[in-house]
Amino acid sequence: MNSHVTSHVHVNVRLEDGGSALLRPLSSGEVSVVEAVFEGMSSQSRHRRFLVPMPRLPGSHRRALADVDGDRHVAWVALVDGEPVGLCRYVRTSHATAELAFEVVDAHQGRGIGSALVDAVVTVAREHGIAYLEATVEPGNLASEALLSRVGIRLRPADGLLEGRGEPRVAPSGSRVNRRAVLALAGQPASSSSTAAATSSSWRSEPCLATS
């Protein structure tokens, strides 16, 4: 078994090209997953994600990105063939507001993984009472702009970047994920065998959206 794979259960997602990915919540302290996704990103992708040059991920960043608690800070990881290929997270900035961020390794961009991850995290955010999501992206990052717009974040120029805020939404006919399965998994311990059965039996193929 690949060293990145643990005993976690997953939500199965069909991708644009006919492949599949497994989604699950990131567990607290899973620094190795954060590192694996970072290492798979090009310099340009890292800059777009962190908005500054990031040739390496400092230890403080690694620990902060893995410091999830299932409510204040929620992150989900996508795996393909057992390898972490993307992450999406929200971090509360107030009781009802959270910042959304996501990244996908270069080798798997354009398959709809980012869309699936965002749908999963937005679904959890809504369930946890997040009334507004915020995000910041570089101008010209059209794929991220389109994805953020789809989940309700309207971007505007601000100090050389694009910043936005909006009420979180997931289009009922456009989600890549089975939201009931996402919520079942989000509400259970990651190693729960009963949740594994629930997510496996409730998964169904849903329409795919074109995204980067």
C-alpha atoms as a PDB file:
ATOM      1  CA  MET A   1       0.000   0.000   0.000  1.00  0.00           C
ATOM      2  CA  ASN A   2       1.208   3.490  -0.828  1.00  0.00           C
ATOM      3  CA  SER A   3       2.741   5.321   2.128  1.00  0.00           C
ATOM      4  CA  HIS A   4       0.272   8.215   1.707  1.00  0.00           C
ATOM      5  CA  VAL A   5      -2.799   5.986   2.081  1.00  0.00           C
ATOM      6  CA  THR A   6      -4.203   5.470   5.563  1.00  0.00           C
ATOM      7  CA  SER A   7      -7.264   3.666   6.877  1.00  0.00           C
ATOM      8  CA  HIS A   8      -9.558   6.608   6.050  1.00  0.00           C
ATOM      9  CA  VAL A   9     -12.814   6.088   4.164  1.00  0.00           C
ATOM     10  CA  HIS A  10     -13.614   8.100   1.070  1.00  0.00           C
ATOM     11  CA  VAL A  11     -16.225   9.553  -1.242  1.00  0.00           C
ATOM     12  CA  ASN A  12     -15.814   8.351  -4.820  1.00  0.00           C
ATOM     13  CA  VAL A  13     -15.910  10.963  -7.614  1.00  0.00           C
ATOM     14  CA  ARG A  14     -15.976  10.456 -11.369  1.00  0.00           C
ATOM     15  CA  LEU A  15     -13.768  12.897 -13.290  1.00  0.00           C
ATOM     16  CA  GLU A  16     -14.214  14.606 -16.657  1.00  0.00           C
ATOM     17  CA  ASP A  17     -11.935  12.194 -18.498  1.00  0.00           C
ATOM     18  CA  GLY A  18     -13.673   9.093 -17.162  1.00  0.00           C
ATOM     19  CA  GLY A  19     -11.171   8.511 -14.368  1.00  0.00           C
ATOM     20  CA  SER A  20     -11.974   8.682 -10.701  1.00  0.00           C
ATOM     21  CA  ALA A  21     -10.706  10.247  -7.501  1.00  0.00           C
ATOM     22  CA  LEU A  22     -11.296   9.568  -3.831  1.00  0.00           C
ATOM     23  CA  LEU A  23     -12.099  12.445  -1.488  1.00  0.00           C
ATOM     24  CA  ARG A  24     -11.819  12.481   2.276  1.00  0.00           C
ATOM     25  CA  PRO A  25     -11.307  14.960   5.105  1.00  0.00           C
ATOM     26  CA  LEU A  26      -7.717  15.754   5.958  1.00  0.00           C
ATOM     27  CA  SER A  27      -6.887  14.587   9.470  1.00  0.00           C
ATOM     28  CA  SER A  28      -5.147  16.816  11.969  1.00  0.00           C
ATOM     29  CA  GLY A  29      -1.380  16.634  11.630  1.00  0.00           C
ATOM     30  CA  GLU A  30      -1.291  15.033   8.164  1.00  0.00           C
ATOM     31  CA  VAL A  31       1.724  17.075   7.129  1.00  0.00           C
ATOM     32  CA  SER A  32       2.839  14.417   4.624  1.00  0.00           C
ATOM     33  CA  VAL A  33      -0.310  15.008   2.541  1.00  0.00           C
ATOM     34  CA  VAL A  34       0.229  18.774   2.535  1.00  0.00           C
ATOM     35  CA  GLU A  35       3.845  18.256   1.477  1.00  0.00           C
ATOM     36  CA  ALA A  36       2.929  15.783  -1.286  1.00  0.00           C
ATOM     37  CA  VAL A  37       0.481  18.189  -2.916  1.00  0.00           C
ATOM     38  CA  PHE A  38       2.909  21.106  -2.614  1.00  0.00           C
ATOM     39  CA  GLU A  39       5.713  19.078  -4.228  1.00  0.00           C
ATOM     40  CA  GLY A  40       3.472  18.275  -7.195  1.00  0.00           C
ATOM     41  CA  MET A  41       2.841  21.946  -7.970  1.00  0.00           C
ATOM     42  CA  SER A  42       4.940  24.039 -10.343  1.00  0.00           C
ATOM     43  CA  SER A  43       6.387  27.400  -9.352  1.00  0.00           C
ATOM     44  CA  GLN A  44       3.523  29.114 -11.155  1.00  0.00           C
ATOM     45  CA  SER A  45       0.880  27.012  -9.378  1.00  0.00           C
ATOM     46  CA  ARG A  46       2.504  27.677  -6.020  1.00  0.00           C
ATOM     47  CA  HIS A  47       2.561  31.397  -6.688  1.00  0.00           C
ATOM     48  CA  ARG A  48      -1.106  31.360  -7.693  1.00  0.00           C
ATOM     49  CA  ARG A  49      -2.021  29.463  -4.533  1.00  0.00           C
ATOM     50  CA  PHE A  50       0.035  31.429  -1.993  1.00  0.00           C
ATOM     51  CA  LEU A  51       0.201  34.745  -3.925  1.00  0.00           C
ATOM     52  CA  VAL A  52       3.952  35.030  -3.285  1.00  0.00           C
ATOM     53  CA  PRO A  53       6.954  33.052  -4.580  1.00  0.00           C
ATOM     54  CA  MET A  54       7.075  29.806  -2.602  1.00  0.00           C
ATOM     55  CA  PRO A  55      10.036  27.617  -3.647  1.00  0.00           C
ATOM     56  CA  ARG A  56       9.665  25.599  -0.446  1.00  0.00           C
ATOM     57  CA  LEU A  57       6.986  25.222   2.188  1.00  0.00           C
ATOM     58  CA  PRO A  58       8.245  26.438   5.577  1.00  0.00           C
ATOM     59  CA  GLY A  59       7.659  24.190   8.565  1.00  0.00           C
ATOM     60  CA  SER A  60       5.301  26.710  10.141  1.00  0.00           C
ATOM     61  CA  HIS A  61       3.167  26.694   6.984  1.00  0.00           C
ATOM     62  CA  ARG A  62       3.107  22.898   6.856  1.00  0.00           C
ATOM     63  CA  ARG A  63       1.935  22.653  10.432  1.00  0.00           C
ATOM     64  CA  ALA A  64      -0.678  25.389   9.999  1.00  0.00           C
ATOM     65  CA  LEU A  65      -2.087  23.790   6.847  1.00  0.00           C
ATOM     66  CA  ALA A  66      -2.395  20.447   8.645  1.00  0.00           C
ATOM     67  CA  ASP A  67      -3.902  21.963  11.791  1.00  0.00           C
ATOM     68  CA  VAL A  68      -7.520  21.068  11.020  1.00  0.00           C
ATOM     69  CA  ASP A  69     -10.261  20.563  13.573  1.00  0.00           C
ATOM     70  CA  GLY A  70     -13.356  19.759  11.512  1.00  0.00           C
ATOM     71  CA  ASP A  71     -15.103  23.070  12.207  1.00  0.00           C
ATOM     72  CA  ARG A  72     -12.890  26.163  12.452  1.00  0.00           C
ATOM     73  CA  HIS A  73     -10.498  24.745   9.873  1.00  0.00           C
ATOM     74  CA  VAL A  74     -11.767  22.092   7.467  1.00  0.00           C
ATOM     75  CA  ALA A  75      -9.729  20.585   4.633  1.00  0.00           C
ATOM     76  CA  TRP A  76     -10.418  17.792   2.165  1.00  0.00           C
ATOM     77  CA  VAL A  77      -7.875  15.884   0.083  1.00  0.00           C
ATOM     78  CA  ALA A  78      -8.304  14.201  -3.312  1.00  0.00           C
ATOM     79  CA  LEU A  79      -6.377  11.037  -4.080  1.00  0.00           C
ATOM     80  CA  VAL A  80      -5.745   9.347  -7.438  1.00  0.00           C
ATOM     81  CA  ASP A  81      -4.154   5.897  -7.391  1.00  0.00           C
ATOM     82  CA  GLY A  82      -3.415   6.423  -3.716  1.00  0.00           C
ATOM     83  CA  GLU A  83      -1.501   9.678  -4.214  1.00  0.00           C
ATOM     84  CA  PRO A  84      -2.672  13.054  -2.831  1.00  0.00           C
ATOM     85  CA  VAL A  85      -3.328  15.306  -5.841  1.00  0.00           C
ATOM     86  CA  GLY A  86      -5.338  18.211  -4.450  1.00  0.00           C
ATOM     87  CA  LEU A  87      -6.523  20.004  -1.344  1.00  0.00           C
ATOM     88  CA  CYS A  88      -9.321  22.412  -0.556  1.00  0.00           C
ATOM     89  CA  ARG A  89      -9.980  24.105   2.754  1.00  0.00           C
ATOM     90  CA  TYR A  90     -11.924  26.747   4.559  1.00  0.00           C
ATOM     91  CA  VAL A  91     -10.685  28.618   7.614  1.00  0.00           C
ATOM     92  CA  ARG A  92     -13.111  30.658   9.684  1.00  0.00           C
ATOM     93  CA  THR A  93     -12.299  34.355   9.942  1.00  0.00           C
ATOM     94  CA  SER A  94     -15.378  34.977  12.099  1.00  0.00           C
ATOM     95  CA  HIS A  95     -18.315  32.953  13.366  1.00  0.00           C
ATOM     96  CA  ALA A  96     -20.167  33.063  10.035  1.00  0.00           C
ATOM     97  CA  THR A  97     -17.375  33.851   7.541  1.00  0.00           C
ATOM     98  CA  ALA A  98     -14.548  31.690   6.219  1.00  0.00           C
ATOM     99  CA  GLU A  99     -11.763  31.955   3.677  1.00  0.00           C
ATOM    100  CA  LEU A 100     -11.712  29.339   0.899  1.00  0.00           C
ATOM    101  CA  ALA A 101      -8.533  28.093  -0.812  1.00  0.00           C
ATOM    102  CA  PHE A 102      -7.645  25.128  -3.011  1.00  0.00           C
ATOM    103  CA  GLU A 103      -4.817  23.652  -5.053  1.00  0.00           C
ATOM    104  CA  VAL A 104      -4.304  20.757  -7.489  1.00  0.00           C
ATOM    105  CA  VAL A 105      -0.972  19.279  -8.578  1.00  0.00           C
ATOM    106  CA  ASP A 106      -0.043  20.205 -12.130  1.00  0.00           C
ATOM    107  CA  ALA A 107      -0.185  16.658 -13.497  1.00  0.00           C
ATOM    108  CA  HIS A 108      -3.886  16.393 -12.623  1.00  0.00           C
ATOM    109  CA  GLN A 109      -5.145  19.883 -13.418  1.00  0.00           C
ATOM    110  CA  GLY A 110      -7.967  20.054 -15.944  1.00  0.00           C
ATOM    111  CA  ARG A 111      -9.691  16.873 -14.741  1.00  0.00           C
ATOM    112  CA  GLY A 112     -12.278  18.469 -12.476  1.00  0.00           C
ATOM    113  CA  ILE A 113     -10.539  17.596  -9.210  1.00  0.00           C
ATOM    114  CA  GLY A 114     -10.578  21.176  -7.991  1.00  0.00           C
ATOM    115  CA  SER A 115     -14.291  21.419  -8.729  1.00  0.00           C
ATOM    116  CA  ALA A 116     -15.017  18.242  -6.778  1.00  0.00           C
ATOM    117  CA  LEU A 117     -12.973  19.358  -3.792  1.00  0.00           C
ATOM    118  CA  VAL A 118     -14.573  22.791  -3.710  1.00  0.00           C
ATOM    119  CA  ASP A 119     -18.052  21.271  -3.906  1.00  0.00           C
ATOM    120  CA  ALA A 120     -17.249  18.995  -0.965  1.00  0.00           C
ATOM    121  CA  VAL A 121     -15.821  21.767   1.210  1.00  0.00           C
ATOM    122  CA  VAL A 122     -18.591  24.238   0.358  1.00  0.00           C
ATOM    123  CA  THR A 123     -21.135  21.551   1.245  1.00  0.00           C
ATOM    124  CA  VAL A 124     -19.505  21.128   4.663  1.00  0.00           C
ATOM    125  CA  ALA A 125     -19.211  24.902   5.146  1.00  0.00           C
ATOM    126  CA  ARG A 126     -22.939  25.389   4.566  1.00  0.00           C
ATOM    127  CA  GLU A 127     -23.742  22.606   7.024  1.00  0.00           C
ATOM    128  CA  HIS A 128     -21.489  24.246   9.627  1.00  0.00           C
ATOM    129  CA  GLY A 129     -23.286  27.570   9.431  1.00  0.00           C
ATOM    130  CA  ILE A 130     -20.849  29.470   7.212  1.00  0.00           C
ATOM    131  CA  ALA A 131     -22.934  32.288   5.739  1.00  0.00           C
ATOM    132  CA  TYR A 132     -20.174  33.900   3.647  1.00  0.00           C
ATOM    133  CA  LEU A 133     -17.094  32.601   1.890  1.00  0.00           C
ATOM    134  CA  GLU A 134     -14.166  34.810   0.920  1.00  0.00           C
ATOM    135  CA  ALA A 135     -11.286  34.193  -1.492  1.00  0.00           C
ATOM    136  CA  THR A 136      -8.335  35.956  -3.111  1.00  0.00           C
ATOM    137  CA  VAL A 137      -6.783  35.047  -6.469  1.00  0.00           C
ATOM    138  CA  GLU A 138      -4.365  36.477  -9.003  1.00  0.00           C
ATOM    139  CA  PRO A 139      -5.866  38.291 -11.997  1.00  0.00           C
ATOM    140  CA  GLY A 140      -5.765  36.033 -15.014  1.00  0.00           C
ATOM    141  CA  ASN A 141      -6.315  32.802 -13.090  1.00  0.00           C
ATOM    142  CA  LEU A 142      -9.422  32.157 -15.123  1.00  0.00           C
ATOM    143  CA  ALA A 143     -10.051  28.601 -13.948  1.00  0.00           C
ATOM    144  CA  SER A 144     -10.112  29.653 -10.300  1.00  0.00           C
ATOM    145  CA  GLU A 145     -12.205  32.716 -11.093  1.00  0.00           C
ATOM    146  CA  ALA A 146     -14.829  30.549 -12.809  1.00  0.00           C
ATOM    147  CA  LEU A 147     -14.884  28.002 -10.020  1.00  0.00           C
ATOM    148  CA  LEU A 148     -15.230  30.619  -7.294  1.00  0.00           C
ATOM    149  CA  SER A 149     -18.014  32.347  -9.213  1.00  0.00           C
ATOM    150  CA  ARG A 150     -19.873  29.051  -9.495  1.00  0.00           C
ATOM    151  CA  VAL A 151     -19.939  28.613  -5.709  1.00  0.00           C
ATOM    152  CA  GLY A 152     -21.142  32.153  -5.096  1.00  0.00           C
ATOM    153  CA  ILE A 153     -17.975  34.243  -4.671  1.00  0.00           C
ATOM    154  CA  ARG A 154     -17.931  37.421  -6.750  1.00  0.00           C
ATOM    155  CA  LEU A 155     -14.417  38.724  -7.341  1.00  0.00           C
ATOM    156  CA  ARG A 156     -13.387  42.365  -7.693  1.00  0.00           C
ATOM    157  CA  PRO A 157      -9.992  44.069  -8.205  1.00  0.00           C
ATOM    158  CA  ALA A 158      -8.259  45.019  -4.951  1.00  0.00           C
ATOM    159  CA  ASP A 159      -4.616  46.109  -4.622  1.00  0.00           C
ATOM    160  CA  GLY A 160      -3.472  44.191  -7.683  1.00  0.00           C
ATOM    161  CA  LEU A 161      -5.383  41.033  -6.801  1.00  0.00           C
ATOM    162  CA  LEU A 162      -8.966  39.813  -7.082  1.00  0.00           C
ATOM    163  CA  GLU A 163     -10.871  39.531  -3.825  1.00  0.00           C
ATOM    164  CA  GLY A 164     -14.388  38.306  -3.351  1.00  0.00           C
ATOM    165  CA  ARG A 165     -17.108  37.332  -0.956  1.00  0.00           C
ATOM    166  CA  GLY A 166     -20.435  35.616  -1.321  1.00  0.00           C
ATOM    167  CA  GLU A 167     -22.982  33.244   0.112  1.00  0.00           C
ATOM    168  CA  PRO A 168     -21.818  29.654  -0.447  1.00  0.00           C
ATOM    169  CA  ARG A 169     -23.808  27.635  -2.934  1.00  0.00           C
ATOM    170  CA  VAL A 170     -23.561  24.314  -4.741  1.00  0.00           C
ATOM    171  CA  ALA A 171     -25.599  23.995  -7.944  1.00  0.00           C
ATOM    172  CA  PRO A 172     -27.962  21.030  -7.486  1.00  0.00           C
ATOM    173  CA  SER A 173     -27.442  19.795 -11.042  1.00  0.00           C
ATOM    174  CA  GLY A 174     -23.731  20.501 -11.288  1.00  0.00           C
ATOM    175  CA  SER A 175     -21.992  19.015  -8.280  1.00  0.00           C
ATOM    176  CA  ARG A 176     -19.395  16.328  -8.885  1.00  0.00           C
ATOM    177  CA  VAL A 177     -19.946  14.842  -5.460  1.00  0.00           C
ATOM    178  CA  ASN A 178     -22.789  13.157  -3.672  1.00  0.00           C
ATOM    179  CA  ARG A 179     -23.352  15.723  -0.956  1.00  0.00           C
ATOM    180  CA  ARG A 180     -25.136  13.310   1.360  1.00  0.00           C
ATOM    181  CA  ALA A 181     -22.079  11.067   1.269  1.00  0.00           C
ATOM    182  CA  VAL A 182     -19.822  14.076   1.941  1.00  0.00           C
ATOM    183  CA  LEU A 183     -21.849  15.102   4.983  1.00  0.00           C
ATOM    184  CA  ALA A 184     -21.970  11.529   6.266  1.00  0.00           C
ATOM    185  CA  LEU A 185     -18.197  11.283   6.061  1.00  0.00           C
ATOM    186  CA  ALA A 186     -17.627  14.759   7.494  1.00  0.00           C
ATOM    187  CA  GLY A 187     -19.736  13.899  10.516  1.00  0.00           C
ATOM    188  CA  GLN A 188     -17.992  10.658  11.402  1.00  0.00           C
ATOM    189  CA  PRO A 189     -14.504   9.637  12.583  1.00  0.00           C
ATOM    190  CA  ALA A 190     -12.325   9.026   9.535  1.00  0.00           C
ATOM    191  CA  SER A 191     -11.751   5.367  10.435  1.00  0.00           C
ATOM    192  CA  SER A 192     -15.434   4.499  10.963  1.00  0.00           C
ATOM    193  CA  SER A 193     -16.318   1.328   9.079  1.00  0.00           C
ATOM    194  CA  SER A 194     -20.011   2.246   9.192  1.00  0.00           C
ATOM    195  CA  THR A 195     -19.276   5.507   7.367  1.00  0.00           C
ATOM    196  CA  ALA A 196     -17.291   3.585   4.770  1.00  0.00           C
ATOM    197  CA  ALA A 197     -20.363   1.508   4.026  1.00  0.00           C
ATOM    198  CA  ALA A 198     -22.572   4.590   3.873  1.00  0.00           C
ATOM    199  CA  THR A 199     -20.360   6.503   1.464  1.00  0.00           C
ATOM    200  CA  SER A 200     -19.807   3.488  -0.752  1.00  0.00           C
ATOM    201  CA  SER A 201     -23.486   2.592  -1.041  1.00  0.00           C
ATOM    202  CA  SER A 202     -24.735   6.156  -1.531  1.00  0.00           C
ATOM    203  CA  TRP A 203     -22.311   7.204  -4.262  1.00  0.00           C
ATOM    204  CA  ARG A 204     -23.791   7.791  -7.675  1.00  0.00           C
ATOM    205  CA  SER A 205     -22.479   9.348 -10.859  1.00  0.00           C
ATOM    206  CA  GLU A 206     -23.538  12.984 -11.226  1.00  0.00           C
ATOM    207  CA  PRO A 207     -23.195  15.424 -14.150  1.00  0.00           C
ATOM    208  CA  CYS A 208     -19.751  16.914 -14.618  1.00  0.00           C
ATOM    209  CA  LEU A 209     -18.910  20.571 -15.140  1.00  0.00           C
ATOM    210  CA  ALA A 210     -16.078  21.767 -17.340  1.00  0.00           C
ATOM    211  CA  THR A 211     -13.359  23.254 -15.198  1.00  0.00           C
ATOM    212  CA  SER A 212      -9.598  23.445 -15.134  1.00  0.00           C
END
